[in-house]
Amino acid sequence: MSIQQTIITMTEMMAAAAVTAPKARGDNVIGYRILHGEQLQEFGRQMIEYGKESQRKNYDRDGNNVLNSDALLIIFLNGEHRASLNCGACGYDTCAEFHLRQGPEFDGPVCAIRSIDLGTAVGSAVKMASILNIDNRVMYRVGPVARKYGWIDGPLAVGIPVSITAKNIFFDRG
């Protein structure tokens, strides 16, 4: 098996860890997408382009990290975006009142319980990367680009680029 095949398999294992992570009510609200090869290169270029268009900071830096990665795991909320627990953490008294509005990078507000579900999924994925000794970094900036360019369909997303090299490319990022 080649290194490229290995990194894809390992990234799939990270995705499995994310999907099977504990979630409120046991609801399946986590989606994922794995990019590698030309798709990964296209995505990295889109991150840099988005940073220029939006004049938002560090999209070029993170986009270059993605371009130098072996694969990218995007984890996002899909399906029902309300936990139906009427906790009020989103700012509404009941989940029935809750509605998403389009924001500049993400839709919101996001159900606090679903945000916890996403965080738990991301934590499970990076734990798997750690177990497998894959260099990685959690990147907020992947989410807005994945949404804008249609890579995923969900209100909130996080990306985890991964790399197998002698020196971790996600440090000394300048």
C-alpha atoms as a PDB file:
ATOM      1  CA  MET A   1       0.000   0.000   0.000  1.00  0.00           C
ATOM      2  CA  SER A   2       1.350   3.446  -0.895  1.00  0.00           C
ATOM      3  CA  ILE A   3       1.598   6.379   1.528  1.00  0.00           C
ATOM      4  CA  GLN A   4      -1.259   8.102  -0.351  1.00  0.00           C
ATOM      5  CA  GLN A   5      -3.506   5.044   0.032  1.00  0.00           C
ATOM      6  CA  THR A   6      -2.501   4.837   3.692  1.00  0.00           C
ATOM      7  CA  ILE A   7      -3.364   8.485   4.401  1.00  0.00           C
ATOM      8  CA  ILE A   8      -6.784   8.057   2.778  1.00  0.00           C
ATOM      9  CA  THR A   9      -7.480   4.946   4.871  1.00  0.00           C
ATOM     10  CA  MET A  10      -6.352   6.752   8.023  1.00  0.00           C
ATOM     11  CA  THR A  11      -8.524   9.764   7.176  1.00  0.00           C
ATOM     12  CA  GLU A  12     -11.465   7.394   6.685  1.00  0.00           C
ATOM     13  CA  MET A  13     -10.743   6.015  10.173  1.00  0.00           C
ATOM     14  CA  MET A  14     -10.850   9.583  11.524  1.00  0.00           C
ATOM     15  CA  ALA A  15     -14.226  10.067   9.782  1.00  0.00           C
ATOM     16  CA  ALA A  16     -15.513   6.852  11.350  1.00  0.00           C
ATOM     17  CA  ALA A  17     -14.442   8.131  14.777  1.00  0.00           C
ATOM     18  CA  ALA A  18     -16.311  11.396  14.138  1.00  0.00           C
ATOM     19  CA  VAL A  19     -19.519   9.711  12.974  1.00  0.00           C
ATOM     20  CA  THR A  20     -19.580   7.225  15.844  1.00  0.00           C
ATOM     21  CA  ALA A  21     -18.773   9.815  18.532  1.00  0.00           C
ATOM     22  CA  PRO A  22     -21.480  10.204  21.202  1.00  0.00           C
ATOM     23  CA  LYS A  23     -24.215  12.675  20.311  1.00  0.00           C
ATOM     24  CA  ALA A  24     -27.169  14.143  22.199  1.00  0.00           C
ATOM     25  CA  ARG A  25     -30.209  11.905  21.883  1.00  0.00           C
ATOM     26  CA  GLY A  26     -28.169   9.564  19.660  1.00  0.00           C
ATOM     27  CA  ASP A  27     -29.212  11.544  16.579  1.00  0.00           C
ATOM     28  CA  ASN A  28     -27.134  11.177  13.414  1.00  0.00           C
ATOM     29  CA  VAL A  29     -26.284  14.843  12.829  1.00  0.00           C
ATOM     30  CA  ILE A  30     -22.660  14.579  11.684  1.00  0.00           C
ATOM     31  CA  GLY A  31     -21.641  14.538   8.041  1.00  0.00           C
ATOM     32  CA  TYR A  32     -18.171  14.386   6.563  1.00  0.00           C
ATOM     33  CA  ARG A  33     -16.287  14.744   3.314  1.00  0.00           C
ATOM     34  CA  ILE A  34     -12.739  13.673   2.532  1.00  0.00           C
ATOM     35  CA  LEU A  35     -10.749  15.539  -0.106  1.00  0.00           C
ATOM     36  CA  HIS A  36      -7.426  14.429  -1.600  1.00  0.00           C
ATOM     37  CA  GLY A  37      -5.571  14.742  -4.875  1.00  0.00           C
ATOM     38  CA  GLU A  38      -6.901  17.344  -7.310  1.00  0.00           C
ATOM     39  CA  GLN A  39      -9.982  18.082  -5.153  1.00  0.00           C
ATOM     40  CA  LEU A  40      -7.682  18.951  -2.261  1.00  0.00           C
ATOM     41  CA  GLN A  41      -5.639  21.258  -4.487  1.00  0.00           C
ATOM     42  CA  GLU A  42      -8.783  22.955  -5.795  1.00  0.00           C
ATOM     43  CA  PHE A  43     -10.040  23.463  -2.247  1.00  0.00           C
ATOM     44  CA  GLY A  44      -6.727  24.975  -1.096  1.00  0.00           C
ATOM     45  CA  ARG A  45      -6.828  27.439  -4.003  1.00  0.00           C
ATOM     46  CA  GLN A  46     -10.430  28.310  -3.113  1.00  0.00           C
ATOM     47  CA  MET A  47      -9.381  29.079   0.466  1.00  0.00           C
ATOM     48  CA  ILE A  48      -6.745  31.514  -0.752  1.00  0.00           C
ATOM     49  CA  GLU A  49      -9.221  33.072  -3.223  1.00  0.00           C
ATOM     50  CA  TYR A  50     -11.871  33.425  -0.503  1.00  0.00           C
ATOM     51  CA  GLY A  51      -9.394  35.220   1.743  1.00  0.00           C
ATOM     52  CA  LYS A  52      -8.607  37.721  -1.015  1.00  0.00           C
ATOM     53  CA  GLU A  53     -12.274  38.290  -1.891  1.00  0.00           C
ATOM     54  CA  SER A  54     -13.470  38.639   1.696  1.00  0.00           C
ATOM     55  CA  GLN A  55     -10.308  40.372   2.940  1.00  0.00           C
ATOM     56  CA  ARG A  56     -10.408  38.080   5.946  1.00  0.00           C
ATOM     57  CA  LYS A  57      -7.176  37.255   7.708  1.00  0.00           C
ATOM     58  CA  ASN A  58      -5.147  34.020   7.443  1.00  0.00           C
ATOM     59  CA  TYR A  59      -7.125  32.273   4.704  1.00  0.00           C
ATOM     60  CA  ASP A  60      -3.972  32.396   2.586  1.00  0.00           C
ATOM     61  CA  ARG A  61      -1.892  30.804   5.357  1.00  0.00           C
ATOM     62  CA  ASP A  62      -4.436  28.047   6.012  1.00  0.00           C
ATOM     63  CA  GLY A  63      -5.043  27.575   2.278  1.00  0.00           C
ATOM     64  CA  ASN A  64      -1.339  26.981   1.762  1.00  0.00           C
ATOM     65  CA  ASN A  65      -1.400  24.455   4.608  1.00  0.00           C
ATOM     66  CA  VAL A  66      -4.244  22.637   2.845  1.00  0.00           C
ATOM     67  CA  LEU A  67      -2.314  22.724  -0.452  1.00  0.00           C
ATOM     68  CA  ASN A  68       0.641  21.058   1.289  1.00  0.00           C
ATOM     69  CA  SER A  69      -1.515  18.441   3.061  1.00  0.00           C
ATOM     70  CA  ASP A  70      -2.121  14.864   2.000  1.00  0.00           C
ATOM     71  CA  ALA A  71      -5.883  14.905   2.679  1.00  0.00           C
ATOM     72  CA  LEU A  72      -8.597  17.018   4.267  1.00  0.00           C
ATOM     73  CA  LEU A  73     -11.441  15.796   6.461  1.00  0.00           C
ATOM     74  CA  ILE A  74     -14.396  18.180   6.626  1.00  0.00           C
ATOM     75  CA  ILE A  75     -16.820  17.482   9.467  1.00  0.00           C
ATOM     76  CA  PHE A  76     -20.165  19.282   9.472  1.00  0.00           C
ATOM     77  CA  LEU A  77     -23.624  19.383  10.975  1.00  0.00           C
ATOM     78  CA  ASN A  78     -26.260  17.887   8.709  1.00  0.00           C
ATOM     79  CA  GLY A  79     -29.836  16.763   9.188  1.00  0.00           C
ATOM     80  CA  GLU A  80     -31.929  18.216  11.997  1.00  0.00           C
ATOM     81  CA  HIS A  81     -30.135  21.231  13.428  1.00  0.00           C
ATOM     82  CA  ARG A  82     -32.217  21.397  16.621  1.00  0.00           C
ATOM     83  CA  ALA A  83     -31.915  18.949  19.473  1.00  0.00           C
ATOM     84  CA  SER A  84     -35.568  19.541  20.506  1.00  0.00           C
ATOM     85  CA  LEU A  85     -34.637  19.877  24.172  1.00  0.00           C
ATOM     86  CA  ASN A  86     -35.984  23.443  24.664  1.00  0.00           C
ATOM     87  CA  CYS A  87     -32.860  24.401  26.650  1.00  0.00           C
ATOM     88  CA  GLY A  88     -32.810  28.048  25.527  1.00  0.00           C
ATOM     89  CA  ALA A  89     -29.039  28.174  24.965  1.00  0.00           C
ATOM     90  CA  CYS A  90     -29.550  29.365  21.379  1.00  0.00           C
ATOM     91  CA  GLY A  91     -31.476  32.413  22.587  1.00  0.00           C
ATOM     92  CA  TYR A  92     -34.962  31.069  21.845  1.00  0.00           C
ATOM     93  CA  ASP A  93     -37.296  29.816  24.558  1.00  0.00           C
ATOM     94  CA  THR A  94     -38.278  26.725  22.586  1.00  0.00           C
ATOM     95  CA  CYS A  95     -36.812  24.761  19.711  1.00  0.00           C
ATOM     96  CA  ALA A  96     -40.008  25.437  17.744  1.00  0.00           C
ATOM     97  CA  GLU A  97     -39.094  29.154  17.705  1.00  0.00           C
ATOM     98  CA  PHE A  98     -35.515  28.449  16.625  1.00  0.00           C
ATOM     99  CA  HIS A  99     -34.693  29.309  13.039  1.00  0.00           C
ATOM    100  CA  LEU A 100     -31.425  29.706  11.168  1.00  0.00           C
ATOM    101  CA  ARG A 101     -30.554  32.960   9.486  1.00  0.00           C
ATOM    102  CA  GLN A 102     -27.847  33.305   6.895  1.00  0.00           C
ATOM    103  CA  GLY A 103     -24.644  34.738   8.288  1.00  0.00           C
ATOM    104  CA  PRO A 104     -21.505  35.924   6.505  1.00  0.00           C
ATOM    105  CA  GLU A 105     -19.719  32.584   6.955  1.00  0.00           C
ATOM    106  CA  PHE A 106     -22.096  30.274   8.832  1.00  0.00           C
ATOM    107  CA  ASP A 107     -25.838  30.125   9.415  1.00  0.00           C
ATOM    108  CA  GLY A 108     -26.932  30.738  12.966  1.00  0.00           C
ATOM    109  CA  PRO A 109     -27.630  30.740  15.671  1.00  0.00           C
ATOM    110  CA  VAL A 110     -26.547  27.127  15.946  1.00  0.00           C
ATOM    111  CA  CYS A 111     -28.192  24.872  18.497  1.00  0.00           C
ATOM    112  CA  ALA A 112     -25.775  24.724  21.444  1.00  0.00           C
ATOM    113  CA  ILE A 113     -26.376  20.995  21.843  1.00  0.00           C
ATOM    114  CA  ARG A 114     -25.564  20.389  18.159  1.00  0.00           C
ATOM    115  CA  SER A 115     -22.421  22.530  18.525  1.00  0.00           C
ATOM    116  CA  ILE A 116     -21.359  20.217  21.346  1.00  0.00           C
ATOM    117  CA  ASP A 117     -22.094  17.230  19.087  1.00  0.00           C
ATOM    118  CA  LEU A 118     -19.853  18.724  16.381  1.00  0.00           C
ATOM    119  CA  GLY A 119     -17.093  19.435  18.894  1.00  0.00           C
ATOM    120  CA  THR A 120     -17.251  15.885  20.218  1.00  0.00           C
ATOM    121  CA  ALA A 121     -17.024  14.534  16.653  1.00  0.00           C
ATOM    122  CA  VAL A 122     -14.007  16.735  15.888  1.00  0.00           C
ATOM    123  CA  GLY A 123     -12.346  15.672  19.147  1.00  0.00           C
ATOM    124  CA  SER A 124     -12.900  12.010  18.294  1.00  0.00           C
ATOM    125  CA  ALA A 125     -11.415  12.499  14.823  1.00  0.00           C
ATOM    126  CA  VAL A 126      -8.264  14.233  16.078  1.00  0.00           C
ATOM    127  CA  LYS A 127      -7.865  11.630  18.810  1.00  0.00           C
ATOM    128  CA  MET A 128      -7.859   8.974  16.091  1.00  0.00           C
ATOM    129  CA  ALA A 129      -5.267  11.019  14.161  1.00  0.00           C
ATOM    130  CA  SER A 130      -3.148  11.129  17.307  1.00  0.00           C
ATOM    131  CA  ILE A 131      -3.432   7.378  17.788  1.00  0.00           C
ATOM    132  CA  LEU A 132      -2.369   6.887  14.156  1.00  0.00           C
ATOM    133  CA  ASN A 133       0.477   9.470  14.443  1.00  0.00           C
ATOM    134  CA  ILE A 134      -0.912  11.643  11.639  1.00  0.00           C
ATOM    135  CA  ASP A 135      -0.002  15.324  11.782  1.00  0.00           C
ATOM    136  CA  ASN A 136      -3.176  17.419  11.748  1.00  0.00           C
ATOM    137  CA  ARG A 137      -4.682  20.748  12.670  1.00  0.00           C
ATOM    138  CA  VAL A 138      -8.285  21.764  13.300  1.00  0.00           C
ATOM    139  CA  MET A 139      -9.168  24.684  11.016  1.00  0.00           C
ATOM    140  CA  TYR A 140     -12.194  26.926  11.411  1.00  0.00           C
ATOM    141  CA  ARG A 141     -11.482  28.605   8.057  1.00  0.00           C
ATOM    142  CA  VAL A 142     -12.168  25.399   6.116  1.00  0.00           C
ATOM    143  CA  GLY A 143     -15.855  25.598   7.102  1.00  0.00           C
ATOM    144  CA  PRO A 144     -16.840  28.863   5.399  1.00  0.00           C
ATOM    145  CA  VAL A 145     -15.022  27.864   2.204  1.00  0.00           C
ATOM    146  CA  ALA A 146     -16.616  24.401   2.165  1.00  0.00           C
ATOM    147  CA  ARG A 147     -20.041  26.050   2.475  1.00  0.00           C
ATOM    148  CA  LYS A 148     -19.441  28.841  -0.051  1.00  0.00           C
ATOM    149  CA  TYR A 149     -18.124  26.575  -2.801  1.00  0.00           C
ATOM    150  CA  GLY A 150     -20.687  23.800  -2.258  1.00  0.00           C
ATOM    151  CA  TRP A 151     -18.424  21.082  -0.864  1.00  0.00           C
ATOM    152  CA  ILE A 152     -20.863  20.459   1.999  1.00  0.00           C
ATOM    153  CA  ASP A 153     -24.457  21.308   2.914  1.00  0.00           C
ATOM    154  CA  GLY A 154     -24.796  22.283   6.556  1.00  0.00           C
ATOM    155  CA  PRO A 155     -24.836  25.355   8.792  1.00  0.00           C
ATOM    156  CA  LEU A 156     -21.514  24.706  10.553  1.00  0.00           C
ATOM    157  CA  ALA A 157     -18.323  22.894   9.535  1.00  0.00           C
ATOM    158  CA  VAL A 158     -14.725  22.409  10.629  1.00  0.00           C
ATOM    159  CA  GLY A 159     -11.806  21.020   8.640  1.00  0.00           C
ATOM    160  CA  ILE A 160      -8.900  18.828   9.638  1.00  0.00           C
ATOM    161  CA  PRO A 161      -6.064  18.711   7.103  1.00  0.00           C
ATOM    162  CA  VAL A 162      -3.689  15.790   7.620  1.00  0.00           C
ATOM    163  CA  SER A 163      -0.119  15.097   6.612  1.00  0.00           C
ATOM    164  CA  ILE A 164       2.526  12.408   6.923  1.00  0.00           C
ATOM    165  CA  THR A 165       5.946  14.040   6.655  1.00  0.00           C
ATOM    166  CA  ALA A 166       9.184  14.104   8.617  1.00  0.00           C
ATOM    167  CA  LYS A 167       8.326  17.557  10.036  1.00  0.00           C
ATOM    168  CA  ASN A 168       4.832  18.657  11.037  1.00  0.00           C
ATOM    169  CA  ILE A 169       3.727  21.195   8.401  1.00  0.00           C
ATOM    170  CA  PHE A 170       1.100  22.686  10.724  1.00  0.00           C
ATOM    171  CA  PHE A 171       3.673  24.413  12.950  1.00  0.00           C
ATOM    172  CA  ASP A 172       5.933  27.360  12.133  1.00  0.00           C
ATOM    173  CA  ARG A 173       3.140  28.617   9.861  1.00  0.00           C
ATOM    174  CA  GLY A 174       4.158  32.290   9.831  1.00  0.00           C
END
